[in-house]
Amino acid sequence: MVEIVSQRRSQPLAGGRKLHPNVRDAVLGVGTIVAFLVLWQVIYAVRLFPTWAFPGPVGVAKSFVATIGNGSLAANTWDSVVRQLTGVVLAAVVGVPAGLFLGSSPTIRAMFLPLCRLLYPIPGLAWVPLAILWFGVGFNSTVFVIFFTGVWPILFNTMAGVTTLSGQYTDVARVYLAPRMLYVRKILIPGSLPFILTGIRLTYGVGWRVIIGAEMISSIHGLGFMIDDARWQLRPDIMVVGMVTIGLIGWLVENWAFDWLERVTIERWGMKSVSV
């Protein structure tokens, strides 16, 4: 079956040329984006929505260049990225060890899991008013909201990775009475890495959703503030610029940072460590 699929993929196109799967995927992706932009322009041209509320792609592109030129886009993007990364890192620093403890100890899991499940459904934006009272308006309150919202995906995914880690590696470690730290370093953490990275990916995405709402309420800087300020100025083009910037940052992080992180952890350190 594998041979049949590979033969189909390697079949030449008309004229004897072969289309590499990566090239084909890139063409399909770019084609979809172009079609989206054309549809967007058509909707704008036929005035399906009022122009003061629905900007066209050309107007958004001009505003994108203008905000880059005056430095406002770079400054607001930097503020949001710093807050986002700080919150995600703090969530990982707390969530990974907590998930390891909850997953490896039935006693700790019985004690704290009900509390975690009680706090988890509370939306991040619900903590914004309290965060402002505790930390004031600005950096600290926004980071706290990102942290408190993002710690749960990391914690629960790490716990799931530990609880599902069973089989020959765990059994061998118990039979040969491997030291606790050796078991954690060589088996527990490497075996849970796919779940940990999944939790961090989820936290990263959730963090952007939370930070925009938090910056609209509790900040005078950042992409969320820029989008909300543009709303009051009836500048939907700048609002879309902020949204596009968030999408571009997310695309870069997903396709570069997380892929690199997987290569240096799961594909190298993780698999080698489990095989020791």
C-alpha atoms as a PDB file:
ATOM      1  CA  MET A   1       0.000   0.000   0.000  1.00  0.00           C
ATOM      2  CA  VAL A   2       2.829   2.384   0.876  1.00  0.00           C
ATOM      3  CA  GLU A   3       4.522   1.616  -2.440  1.00  0.00           C
ATOM      4  CA  ILE A   4       1.301   2.365  -4.343  1.00  0.00           C
ATOM      5  CA  VAL A   5       0.863   5.716  -2.574  1.00  0.00           C
ATOM      6  CA  SER A   6       4.503   6.682  -3.166  1.00  0.00           C
ATOM      7  CA  GLN A   7       4.194   5.745  -6.839  1.00  0.00           C
ATOM      8  CA  ARG A   8       1.105   7.907  -7.187  1.00  0.00           C
ATOM      9  CA  ARG A   9       2.813  10.858  -5.550  1.00  0.00           C
ATOM     10  CA  SER A  10       5.831  10.580  -7.801  1.00  0.00           C
ATOM     11  CA  GLN A  11       3.823  10.349 -11.021  1.00  0.00           C
ATOM     12  CA  PRO A  12       4.975  12.994 -13.516  1.00  0.00           C
ATOM     13  CA  LEU A  13       2.735  15.807 -14.647  1.00  0.00           C
ATOM     14  CA  ALA A  14       1.955  16.615 -18.225  1.00  0.00           C
ATOM     15  CA  GLY A  15       5.209  17.399 -19.988  1.00  0.00           C
ATOM     16  CA  GLY A  16       7.233  15.010 -17.845  1.00  0.00           C
ATOM     17  CA  ARG A  17       7.664  17.326 -14.836  1.00  0.00           C
ATOM     18  CA  LYS A  18       7.138  16.163 -11.293  1.00  0.00           C
ATOM     19  CA  LEU A  19       5.427  18.357  -8.714  1.00  0.00           C
ATOM     20  CA  HIS A  20       7.016  18.046  -5.297  1.00  0.00           C
ATOM     21  CA  PRO A  21       4.431  17.635  -2.489  1.00  0.00           C
ATOM     22  CA  ASN A  22       5.804  20.694  -0.662  1.00  0.00           C
ATOM     23  CA  VAL A  23       5.475  22.804  -3.802  1.00  0.00           C
ATOM     24  CA  ARG A  24       1.947  21.546  -4.363  1.00  0.00           C
ATOM     25  CA  ASP A  25       0.968  22.380  -0.786  1.00  0.00           C
ATOM     26  CA  ALA A  26       2.506  25.838  -1.089  1.00  0.00           C
ATOM     27  CA  VAL A  27       0.614  26.491  -4.341  1.00  0.00           C
ATOM     28  CA  LEU A  28      -2.660  25.378  -2.783  1.00  0.00           C
ATOM     29  CA  GLY A  29      -2.105  27.517   0.309  1.00  0.00           C
ATOM     30  CA  VAL A  30      -1.164  30.646  -1.656  1.00  0.00           C
ATOM     31  CA  GLY A  31      -4.078  30.076  -4.015  1.00  0.00           C
ATOM     32  CA  THR A  32      -6.513  29.964  -1.117  1.00  0.00           C
ATOM     33  CA  ILE A  33      -5.101  33.202   0.322  1.00  0.00           C
ATOM     34  CA  VAL A  34      -5.354  34.927  -3.072  1.00  0.00           C
ATOM     35  CA  ALA A  35      -8.946  33.737  -3.460  1.00  0.00           C
ATOM     36  CA  PHE A  36      -9.744  35.068   0.013  1.00  0.00           C
ATOM     37  CA  LEU A  37      -8.269  38.478  -0.841  1.00  0.00           C
ATOM     38  CA  VAL A  38     -10.227  38.615  -4.112  1.00  0.00           C
ATOM     39  CA  LEU A  39     -13.467  37.756  -2.304  1.00  0.00           C
ATOM     40  CA  TRP A  40     -12.681  40.383   0.332  1.00  0.00           C
ATOM     41  CA  GLN A  41     -12.145  43.036  -2.372  1.00  0.00           C
ATOM     42  CA  VAL A  42     -15.364  42.062  -4.136  1.00  0.00           C
ATOM     43  CA  ILE A  43     -17.384  42.400  -0.925  1.00  0.00           C
ATOM     44  CA  TYR A  44     -15.785  45.785  -0.340  1.00  0.00           C
ATOM     45  CA  ALA A  45     -16.416  46.916  -3.931  1.00  0.00           C
ATOM     46  CA  VAL A  46     -20.128  46.034  -3.943  1.00  0.00           C
ATOM     47  CA  ARG A  47     -20.591  47.909  -0.633  1.00  0.00           C
ATOM     48  CA  LEU A  48     -22.166  44.969   1.140  1.00  0.00           C
ATOM     49  CA  PHE A  49     -21.110  46.737   4.350  1.00  0.00           C
ATOM     50  CA  PRO A  50     -20.571  50.472   4.881  1.00  0.00           C
ATOM     51  CA  THR A  51     -17.031  51.570   4.036  1.00  0.00           C
ATOM     52  CA  TRP A  52     -16.514  53.142   7.466  1.00  0.00           C
ATOM     53  CA  ALA A  53     -17.044  49.713   9.036  1.00  0.00           C
ATOM     54  CA  PHE A  54     -15.589  47.378   6.409  1.00  0.00           C
ATOM     55  CA  PRO A  55     -12.157  48.301   4.992  1.00  0.00           C
ATOM     56  CA  GLY A  56     -10.814  46.921   1.743  1.00  0.00           C
ATOM     57  CA  PRO A  57      -7.540  45.000   1.467  1.00  0.00           C
ATOM     58  CA  VAL A  58      -5.835  47.906  -0.314  1.00  0.00           C
ATOM     59  CA  GLY A  59      -6.747  50.297   2.503  1.00  0.00           C
ATOM     60  CA  VAL A  60      -5.520  47.819   5.096  1.00  0.00           C
ATOM     61  CA  ALA A  61      -2.232  47.420   3.239  1.00  0.00           C
ATOM     62  CA  LYS A  62      -1.754  51.197   3.170  1.00  0.00           C
ATOM     63  CA  SER A  63      -2.484  51.442   6.892  1.00  0.00           C
ATOM     64  CA  PHE A  64      -0.070  48.570   7.524  1.00  0.00           C
ATOM     65  CA  VAL A  65       2.698  50.504   5.792  1.00  0.00           C
ATOM     66  CA  ALA A  66       1.724  53.721   7.602  1.00  0.00           C
ATOM     67  CA  THR A  67       1.779  52.147  11.075  1.00  0.00           C
ATOM     68  CA  ILE A  68       5.154  50.597  10.320  1.00  0.00           C
ATOM     69  CA  GLY A  69       6.449  53.953   9.182  1.00  0.00           C
ATOM     70  CA  ASN A  70       5.335  55.873  12.279  1.00  0.00           C
ATOM     71  CA  GLY A  71       6.568  53.134  14.627  1.00  0.00           C
ATOM     72  CA  SER A  72       3.240  52.524  16.361  1.00  0.00           C
ATOM     73  CA  LEU A  73       2.839  48.969  15.065  1.00  0.00           C
ATOM     74  CA  ALA A  74       6.327  47.903  16.141  1.00  0.00           C
ATOM     75  CA  ALA A  75       5.946  49.455  19.612  1.00  0.00           C
ATOM     76  CA  ASN A  76       2.546  47.907  20.293  1.00  0.00           C
ATOM     77  CA  THR A  77       3.619  44.549  18.878  1.00  0.00           C
ATOM     78  CA  TRP A  78       6.703  44.496  21.085  1.00  0.00           C
ATOM     79  CA  ASP A  79       4.649  45.224  24.213  1.00  0.00           C
ATOM     80  CA  SER A  80       2.184  42.443  23.439  1.00  0.00           C
ATOM     81  CA  VAL A  81       4.864  39.883  22.531  1.00  0.00           C
ATOM     82  CA  VAL A  82       6.815  40.545  25.752  1.00  0.00           C
ATOM     83  CA  ARG A  83       3.667  40.144  27.859  1.00  0.00           C
ATOM     84  CA  GLN A  84       2.637  37.046  25.936  1.00  0.00           C
ATOM     85  CA  LEU A  85       6.001  35.305  26.243  1.00  0.00           C
ATOM     86  CA  THR A  86       6.324  36.216  29.917  1.00  0.00           C
ATOM     87  CA  GLY A  87       2.915  34.773  30.709  1.00  0.00           C
ATOM     88  CA  VAL A  88       3.522  31.597  28.702  1.00  0.00           C
ATOM     89  CA  VAL A  89       6.955  31.013  30.267  1.00  0.00           C
ATOM     90  CA  LEU A  90       5.553  31.475  33.781  1.00  0.00           C
ATOM     91  CA  ALA A  91       2.694  29.110  32.959  1.00  0.00           C
ATOM     92  CA  ALA A  92       5.181  26.497  31.746  1.00  0.00           C
ATOM     93  CA  VAL A  93       7.432  26.926  34.793  1.00  0.00           C
ATOM     94  CA  VAL A  94       4.459  26.240  37.068  1.00  0.00           C
ATOM     95  CA  GLY A  95       2.341  23.958  34.895  1.00  0.00           C
ATOM     96  CA  VAL A  96       4.956  21.369  33.897  1.00  0.00           C
ATOM     97  CA  PRO A  97       6.153  20.494  37.442  1.00  0.00           C
ATOM     98  CA  ALA A  98       2.580  20.592  38.735  1.00  0.00           C
ATOM     99  CA  GLY A  99       1.459  18.240  35.964  1.00  0.00           C
ATOM    100  CA  LEU A 100       4.356  15.883  36.697  1.00  0.00           C
ATOM    101  CA  PHE A 101       3.403  15.751  40.383  1.00  0.00           C
ATOM    102  CA  LEU A 102      -0.298  15.271  39.686  1.00  0.00           C
ATOM    103  CA  GLY A 103       0.374  12.584  37.098  1.00  0.00           C
ATOM    104  CA  SER A 104       2.901  10.590  39.089  1.00  0.00           C
ATOM    105  CA  SER A 105       1.254  10.712  42.526  1.00  0.00           C
ATOM    106  CA  PRO A 106      -2.311   9.421  42.986  1.00  0.00           C
ATOM    107  CA  THR A 107      -2.403  11.057  46.442  1.00  0.00           C
ATOM    108  CA  ILE A 108      -1.489  14.513  45.141  1.00  0.00           C
ATOM    109  CA  ARG A 109      -3.891  14.045  42.251  1.00  0.00           C
ATOM    110  CA  ALA A 110      -6.740  13.189  44.628  1.00  0.00           C
ATOM    111  CA  MET A 111      -5.951  16.256  46.749  1.00  0.00           C
ATOM    112  CA  PHE A 112      -5.561  18.954  44.093  1.00  0.00           C
ATOM    113  CA  LEU A 113      -7.280  17.762  40.909  1.00  0.00           C
ATOM    114  CA  PRO A 114     -10.805  18.751  42.084  1.00  0.00           C
ATOM    115  CA  LEU A 115      -9.571  22.288  42.824  1.00  0.00           C
ATOM    116  CA  CYS A 116      -7.859  22.505  39.440  1.00  0.00           C
ATOM    117  CA  ARG A 117     -11.020  21.374  37.682  1.00  0.00           C
ATOM    118  CA  LEU A 118     -12.984  23.975  39.617  1.00  0.00           C
ATOM    119  CA  LEU A 119     -10.704  26.866  38.609  1.00  0.00           C
ATOM    120  CA  TYR A 120     -10.042  25.773  35.025  1.00  0.00           C
ATOM    121  CA  PRO A 121     -13.429  26.749  33.459  1.00  0.00           C
ATOM    122  CA  ILE A 122     -13.247  30.355  34.749  1.00  0.00           C
ATOM    123  CA  PRO A 123     -12.564  32.569  31.693  1.00  0.00           C
ATOM    124  CA  GLY A 124      -9.339  34.520  31.730  1.00  0.00           C
ATOM    125  CA  LEU A 125     -11.088  37.836  31.143  1.00  0.00           C
ATOM    126  CA  ALA A 126     -13.104  37.279  34.318  1.00  0.00           C
ATOM    127  CA  TRP A 127      -9.850  37.732  36.255  1.00  0.00           C
ATOM    128  CA  VAL A 128      -9.048  41.107  34.678  1.00  0.00           C
ATOM    129  CA  PRO A 129     -10.930  43.260  37.241  1.00  0.00           C
ATOM    130  CA  LEU A 130      -9.284  41.446  40.154  1.00  0.00           C
ATOM    131  CA  ALA A 131      -5.903  41.568  38.425  1.00  0.00           C
ATOM    132  CA  ILE A 132      -6.238  45.344  38.094  1.00  0.00           C
ATOM    133  CA  LEU A 133      -7.055  45.640  41.805  1.00  0.00           C
ATOM    134  CA  TRP A 134      -4.090  43.429  42.747  1.00  0.00           C
ATOM    135  CA  PHE A 135      -1.427  44.600  40.286  1.00  0.00           C
ATOM    136  CA  GLY A 136      -2.729  47.835  38.808  1.00  0.00           C
ATOM    137  CA  VAL A 137      -3.176  48.700  35.143  1.00  0.00           C
ATOM    138  CA  GLY A 138      -0.408  47.585  32.823  1.00  0.00           C
ATOM    139  CA  PHE A 139       2.179  44.846  32.479  1.00  0.00           C
ATOM    140  CA  ASN A 140       1.719  42.844  35.694  1.00  0.00           C
ATOM    141  CA  SER A 141      -2.048  42.499  35.519  1.00  0.00           C
ATOM    142  CA  THR A 142      -1.963  41.424  31.869  1.00  0.00           C
ATOM    143  CA  VAL A 143       0.793  38.865  32.483  1.00  0.00           C
ATOM    144  CA  PHE A 144      -1.127  37.465  35.467  1.00  0.00           C
ATOM    145  CA  VAL A 145      -4.243  36.913  33.349  1.00  0.00           C
ATOM    146  CA  ILE A 146      -2.202  35.174  30.622  1.00  0.00           C
ATOM    147  CA  PHE A 147      -0.438  33.028  33.206  1.00  0.00           C
ATOM    148  CA  PHE A 148      -3.570  32.003  35.070  1.00  0.00           C
ATOM    149  CA  THR A 149      -5.407  31.160  31.867  1.00  0.00           C
ATOM    150  CA  GLY A 150      -2.500  29.362  30.229  1.00  0.00           C
ATOM    151  CA  VAL A 151      -1.277  27.245  33.112  1.00  0.00           C
ATOM    152  CA  TRP A 152      -4.179  24.788  32.840  1.00  0.00           C
ATOM    153  CA  PRO A 153      -3.576  23.401  29.321  1.00  0.00           C
ATOM    154  CA  ILE A 154       0.055  22.764  30.240  1.00  0.00           C
ATOM    155  CA  LEU A 155      -0.829  21.199  33.580  1.00  0.00           C
ATOM    156  CA  PHE A 156      -3.556  18.895  32.275  1.00  0.00           C
ATOM    157  CA  ASN A 157      -1.591  17.824  29.184  1.00  0.00           C
ATOM    158  CA  THR A 158       1.519  17.099  31.252  1.00  0.00           C
ATOM    159  CA  MET A 159      -0.566  15.103  33.716  1.00  0.00           C
ATOM    160  CA  ALA A 160      -2.119  13.143  30.839  1.00  0.00           C
ATOM    161  CA  GLY A 161       1.337  12.385  29.448  1.00  0.00           C
ATOM    162  CA  VAL A 162       2.534  11.029  32.790  1.00  0.00           C
ATOM    163  CA  THR A 163      -0.590   8.958  33.478  1.00  0.00           C
ATOM    164  CA  THR A 164      -0.490   7.387  30.020  1.00  0.00           C
ATOM    165  CA  LEU A 165       3.242   6.639  30.261  1.00  0.00           C
ATOM    166  CA  SER A 166       3.262   2.934  30.953  1.00  0.00           C
ATOM    167  CA  GLY A 167       4.766  -0.176  29.509  1.00  0.00           C
ATOM    168  CA  GLN A 168       8.248  -1.582  29.265  1.00  0.00           C
ATOM    169  CA  TYR A 169      10.221   1.554  30.277  1.00  0.00           C
ATOM    170  CA  THR A 170       8.234   2.202  33.451  1.00  0.00           C
ATOM    171  CA  ASP A 171       8.120  -1.483  34.375  1.00  0.00           C
ATOM    172  CA  VAL A 172      11.859  -1.933  33.837  1.00  0.00           C
ATOM    173  CA  ALA A 173      12.630   1.104  35.986  1.00  0.00           C
ATOM    174  CA  ARG A 174      10.526  -0.287  38.821  1.00  0.00           C
ATOM    175  CA  VAL A 175      11.896  -3.796  38.559  1.00  0.00           C
ATOM    176  CA  TYR A 176      15.514  -2.607  38.657  1.00  0.00           C
ATOM    177  CA  LEU A 177      14.776  -0.046  41.392  1.00  0.00           C
ATOM    178  CA  ALA A 178      16.030   2.907  39.351  1.00  0.00           C
ATOM    179  CA  PRO A 179      16.706   6.058  41.421  1.00  0.00           C
ATOM    180  CA  ARG A 180      13.822   8.502  41.438  1.00  0.00           C
ATOM    181  CA  MET A 181      15.695  11.343  39.749  1.00  0.00           C
ATOM    182  CA  LEU A 182      17.035   8.995  37.072  1.00  0.00           C
ATOM    183  CA  TYR A 183      13.508   7.789  36.382  1.00  0.00           C
ATOM    184  CA  VAL A 184      12.218  11.364  36.139  1.00  0.00           C
ATOM    185  CA  ARG A 185      15.095  12.581  33.961  1.00  0.00           C
ATOM    186  CA  LYS A 186      15.379   9.584  31.629  1.00  0.00           C
ATOM    187  CA  ILE A 187      11.815   8.284  31.394  1.00  0.00           C
ATOM    188  CA  LEU A 188       9.134  10.507  32.893  1.00  0.00           C
ATOM    189  CA  ILE A 189       9.981  13.850  31.253  1.00  0.00           C
ATOM    190  CA  PRO A 190      11.101  12.491  27.837  1.00  0.00           C
ATOM    191  CA  GLY A 191       8.066  10.227  27.614  1.00  0.00           C
ATOM    192  CA  SER A 192       5.727  13.122  28.420  1.00  0.00           C
ATOM    193  CA  LEU A 193       7.354  15.623  26.042  1.00  0.00           C
ATOM    194  CA  PRO A 194       4.753  15.348  23.246  1.00  0.00           C
ATOM    195  CA  PHE A 195       1.984  16.118  25.737  1.00  0.00           C
ATOM    196  CA  ILE A 196       3.988  18.954  27.335  1.00  0.00           C
ATOM    197  CA  LEU A 197       4.640  20.621  23.986  1.00  0.00           C
ATOM    198  CA  THR A 198       0.985  20.240  23.038  1.00  0.00           C
ATOM    199  CA  GLY A 199       0.035  22.008  26.248  1.00  0.00           C
ATOM    200  CA  ILE A 200       2.494  24.826  25.544  1.00  0.00           C
ATOM    201  CA  ARG A 201       1.106  25.212  22.016  1.00  0.00           C
ATOM    202  CA  LEU A 202      -2.418  25.475  23.409  1.00  0.00           C
ATOM    203  CA  THR A 203      -1.292  27.955  26.043  1.00  0.00           C
ATOM    204  CA  TYR A 204       0.383  30.084  23.397  1.00  0.00           C
ATOM    205  CA  GLY A 205      -2.835  30.270  21.365  1.00  0.00           C
ATOM    206  CA  VAL A 206      -5.010  30.894  24.402  1.00  0.00           C
ATOM    207  CA  GLY A 207      -2.580  33.567  25.564  1.00  0.00           C
ATOM    208  CA  TRP A 208      -3.128  35.651  22.440  1.00  0.00           C
ATOM    209  CA  ARG A 209      -6.880  35.474  22.848  1.00  0.00           C
ATOM    210  CA  VAL A 210      -6.627  36.556  26.458  1.00  0.00           C
ATOM    211  CA  ILE A 211      -4.010  39.268  26.025  1.00  0.00           C
ATOM    212  CA  ILE A 212      -6.025  41.145  23.401  1.00  0.00           C
ATOM    213  CA  GLY A 213      -9.056  41.309  25.649  1.00  0.00           C
ATOM    214  CA  ALA A 214      -6.937  42.184  28.679  1.00  0.00           C
ATOM    215  CA  GLU A 215      -5.097  44.967  26.845  1.00  0.00           C
ATOM    216  CA  MET A 216      -8.410  46.444  25.727  1.00  0.00           C
ATOM    217  CA  ILE A 217      -9.397  46.786  29.384  1.00  0.00           C
ATOM    218  CA  SER A 218      -6.246  47.166  31.441  1.00  0.00           C
ATOM    219  CA  SER A 219      -3.528  48.653  29.245  1.00  0.00           C
ATOM    220  CA  ILE A 220      -2.584  51.719  27.261  1.00  0.00           C
ATOM    221  CA  HIS A 221      -0.094  49.842  25.087  1.00  0.00           C
ATOM    222  CA  GLY A 222      -0.123  46.677  22.981  1.00  0.00           C
ATOM    223  CA  LEU A 223      -2.019  45.314  20.006  1.00  0.00           C
ATOM    224  CA  GLY A 224      -5.212  44.941  22.000  1.00  0.00           C
ATOM    225  CA  PHE A 225      -5.095  48.602  22.980  1.00  0.00           C
ATOM    226  CA  MET A 226      -4.313  49.574  19.375  1.00  0.00           C
ATOM    227  CA  ILE A 227      -7.329  47.622  18.084  1.00  0.00           C
ATOM    228  CA  ASP A 228      -9.650  49.079  20.719  1.00  0.00           C
ATOM    229  CA  ASP A 229      -8.333  52.600  20.195  1.00  0.00           C
ATOM    230  CA  ALA A 230      -8.920  52.246  16.445  1.00  0.00           C
ATOM    231  CA  ARG A 231     -12.505  51.244  17.179  1.00  0.00           C
ATOM    232  CA  TRP A 232     -13.122  54.539  18.949  1.00  0.00           C
ATOM    233  CA  GLN A 233     -11.576  56.388  16.009  1.00  0.00           C
ATOM    234  CA  LEU A 234     -13.717  54.474  13.494  1.00  0.00           C
ATOM    235  CA  ARG A 235     -10.565  53.119  11.856  1.00  0.00           C
ATOM    236  CA  PRO A 236     -11.409  49.509  10.995  1.00  0.00           C
ATOM    237  CA  ASP A 237      -8.385  49.417   8.702  1.00  0.00           C
ATOM    238  CA  ILE A 238      -6.051  49.796  11.708  1.00  0.00           C
ATOM    239  CA  MET A 239      -8.112  47.230  13.597  1.00  0.00           C
ATOM    240  CA  VAL A 240      -7.523  44.731  10.795  1.00  0.00           C
ATOM    241  CA  VAL A 241      -3.816  45.651  10.760  1.00  0.00           C
ATOM    242  CA  GLY A 242      -3.612  44.570  14.405  1.00  0.00           C
ATOM    243  CA  MET A 243      -5.484  41.352  13.660  1.00  0.00           C
ATOM    244  CA  VAL A 244      -3.251  40.543  10.676  1.00  0.00           C
ATOM    245  CA  THR A 245      -0.164  41.204  12.800  1.00  0.00           C
ATOM    246  CA  ILE A 246      -1.361  38.706  15.404  1.00  0.00           C
ATOM    247  CA  GLY A 247      -1.973  36.140  12.666  1.00  0.00           C
ATOM    248  CA  LEU A 248       1.483  36.648  11.165  1.00  0.00           C
ATOM    249  CA  ILE A 249       3.170  36.301  14.563  1.00  0.00           C
ATOM    250  CA  GLY A 250       1.204  33.148  15.248  1.00  0.00           C
ATOM    251  CA  TRP A 251       2.123  31.697  11.861  1.00  0.00           C
ATOM    252  CA  LEU A 252       5.820  32.386  12.415  1.00  0.00           C
ATOM    253  CA  VAL A 253       5.818  30.881  15.901  1.00  0.00           C
ATOM    254  CA  GLU A 254       3.886  27.781  14.848  1.00  0.00           C
ATOM    255  CA  ASN A 255       5.951  27.114  11.731  1.00  0.00           C
ATOM    256  CA  TRP A 256       9.378  28.005  13.115  1.00  0.00           C
ATOM    257  CA  ALA A 257       9.640  28.200  16.893  1.00  0.00           C
ATOM    258  CA  PHE A 258       7.533  25.174  17.825  1.00  0.00           C
ATOM    259  CA  ASP A 259       8.899  23.057  14.980  1.00  0.00           C
ATOM    260  CA  TRP A 260      12.438  23.891  16.132  1.00  0.00           C
ATOM    261  CA  LEU A 261      11.487  23.106  19.731  1.00  0.00           C
ATOM    262  CA  GLU A 262      10.183  19.700  18.701  1.00  0.00           C
ATOM    263  CA  ARG A 263      13.374  18.943  16.790  1.00  0.00           C
ATOM    264  CA  VAL A 264      15.658  19.753  19.722  1.00  0.00           C
ATOM    265  CA  THR A 265      13.492  17.958  22.299  1.00  0.00           C
ATOM    266  CA  ILE A 266      11.256  15.144  21.051  1.00  0.00           C
ATOM    267  CA  GLU A 267      13.276  14.160  17.982  1.00  0.00           C
ATOM    268  CA  ARG A 268      16.691  14.400  19.660  1.00  0.00           C
ATOM    269  CA  TRP A 269      16.798  14.571  23.428  1.00  0.00           C
ATOM    270  CA  GLY A 270      13.477  12.893  24.153  1.00  0.00           C
ATOM    271  CA  MET A 271      13.814   9.801  22.015  1.00  0.00           C
ATOM    272  CA  LYS A 272      17.492   9.330  22.859  1.00  0.00           C
ATOM    273  CA  SER A 273      16.814   9.651  26.567  1.00  0.00           C
ATOM    274  CA  VAL A 274      13.968   7.145  26.548  1.00  0.00           C
ATOM    275  CA  SER A 275      16.139   4.638  24.727  1.00  0.00           C
ATOM    276  CA  VAL A 276      18.905   4.787  27.361  1.00  0.00           C
END
